[in-house]
Protein backbone atom coordinates (compact mmCIF):
# COMPACT_ATOMS: atom_id res chain seq x y z
CA MET A 1 8.77 -0.06 15.70
CA ASP A 2 7.09 -2.96 14.07
CA LEU A 3 5.53 -1.78 10.48
CA SER A 4 4.32 -5.12 9.66
CA GLY A 5 0.79 -4.59 10.57
CA GLY A 6 -1.29 -1.69 9.74
CA LEU A 7 -0.86 1.55 11.41
CA ASP A 8 -4.02 3.84 11.97
CA SER A 9 -4.06 7.41 11.28
CA SER A 10 -3.57 8.58 14.89
CA THR A 11 -0.73 6.48 15.28
CA VAL A 12 0.74 7.86 12.01
CA ALA A 13 0.27 11.48 13.08
CA VAL A 14 2.12 10.53 16.32
CA LEU A 15 4.99 9.02 14.84
CA ALA A 16 5.28 11.83 12.10
CA ALA A 17 5.23 14.42 14.79
CA ARG A 18 7.91 12.46 16.70
CA ALA A 19 10.03 11.75 13.91
CA ALA A 20 9.86 15.03 12.11
CA SER A 21 8.64 13.08 9.17
CA SER A 22 5.53 13.59 7.02
CA ALA A 23 2.60 11.24 7.50
CA SER A 24 2.99 10.55 3.65
CA ASP A 25 6.62 9.47 4.40
CA LEU A 26 5.31 6.81 7.06
CA VAL A 27 2.65 5.63 4.90
CA TYR A 28 5.05 4.91 2.00
CA LEU A 29 7.16 2.95 4.36
CA GLN A 30 4.05 1.16 5.81
CA ASP A 31 3.12 0.14 2.25
CA ARG A 32 6.62 -0.83 1.34
CA VAL A 33 7.00 -2.96 4.32
CA ASN A 34 3.66 -4.64 3.72
CA MET A 35 4.47 -5.15 0.04
CA HIS A 36 7.80 -6.87 1.41
CA HIS A 37 5.78 -9.22 3.40
CA GLN A 38 3.30 -9.91 0.37
CA ARG A 39 0.42 -8.18 2.33
CA TYR A 40 -2.16 -5.74 1.10
CA GLN A 41 -1.02 -2.23 1.01
CA THR A 42 -3.31 0.66 2.69
CA HIS A 43 -2.58 3.87 0.75
CA GLY A 44 -1.69 2.59 -2.92
CA SER A 45 1.99 3.83 -3.00
CA GLN A 46 3.66 0.69 -4.40
CA PHE A 47 3.79 -0.49 -7.74
CA PHE A 48 5.08 -3.92 -8.84
CA GLY A 49 6.18 -4.86 -12.43
CA SER A 50 6.66 -8.32 -14.09
CA SER A 51 9.06 -9.30 -16.99
CA SER A 52 5.99 -9.46 -19.05
CA GLU A 53 4.35 -6.16 -18.31
CA GLY A 54 4.82 -2.83 -16.79
CA PRO A 55 4.19 -1.70 -13.12
CA ARG A 56 0.86 -2.21 -11.65
CA LEU A 57 -0.54 -1.19 -8.25
CA TRP A 58 0.31 -3.76 -5.66
CA PRO A 59 -2.98 -4.95 -4.19
CA VAL A 60 -4.69 -2.53 -1.83
CA SER A 61 -6.93 -3.18 1.24
CA ASP A 62 -10.44 -1.72 0.60
CA PRO A 63 -9.80 -0.14 -2.71
CA ALA A 64 -12.97 1.78 -2.75
CA THR A 65 -11.73 3.88 -0.01
CA VAL A 66 -8.13 4.26 -0.92
CA ASN A 67 -8.22 7.81 -2.03
CA ASP A 68 -9.96 8.81 1.18
CA ARG A 69 -6.87 7.42 3.16
CA ARG A 70 -4.54 9.15 0.63
CA ALA A 71 -6.26 12.47 1.11
CA ASP A 72 -5.72 12.16 4.80
CA VAL A 73 -2.05 12.27 4.47
CA ASP A 74 -1.84 14.79 1.57
CA LEU A 75 -1.07 12.19 -1.02
CA SER A 76 -2.77 12.82 -4.58
CA PRO A 77 -5.42 10.68 -5.54
CA LEU A 78 -5.06 7.66 -7.75
CA ASP A 79 -7.25 7.44 -10.88
CA GLN A 80 -9.93 4.65 -11.18
CA ALA A 81 -7.99 2.97 -14.13
CA THR A 82 -4.91 2.44 -11.82
CA ILE A 83 -7.03 1.22 -9.05
CA ALA A 84 -9.05 -1.15 -11.15
CA GLY A 85 -5.87 -2.41 -12.88
CA ALA A 86 -4.07 -3.46 -9.52
CA TRP A 87 -2.51 -6.75 -9.25
CA THR A 88 -4.84 -9.50 -7.88
CA PRO A 89 -3.51 -12.00 -5.32
CA ASP A 90 -3.96 -14.87 -7.79
CA GLU A 91 -2.08 -12.98 -10.48
CA LEU A 92 0.69 -12.71 -7.99
CA ARG A 93 0.72 -16.23 -7.01
CA GLN A 94 0.85 -17.25 -10.75
CA LEU A 95 4.20 -15.18 -10.88
CA GLY A 96 5.55 -17.21 -7.96
CA CYS A 97 4.94 -14.36 -5.17
CA PRO A 98 3.31 -16.10 -2.13
CA PHE A 99 0.66 -13.34 -1.33
CA ALA A 100 -0.47 -13.46 2.29
CA GLU A 101 -4.07 -12.73 1.45
CA ASN A 102 -5.39 -13.31 4.96
CA THR A 103 -3.47 -10.17 6.32
CA THR A 104 -3.85 -6.47 5.83
């Protein structure tokens, strides 16, 4: 199973049913894999900290609708300050992280 790309909600539901895993478990995994590959996460489950500041939300694709996607898999909403304070690809690049902005 290749999780390097995005999973749509119907695929997540099928995989959750087959694997006896919750949909939220699978989106945590998807976000983690995307973060590992320096890509946008979809559900805002991953945070990253640098040596100079505490953890901040890893960049999220379409942040305006992240809480809708989280609700679809029974994750609690993120507050707006957390979403607004997410790392930007440029900030990550300044830290030496080669963020792959053209992939979601």
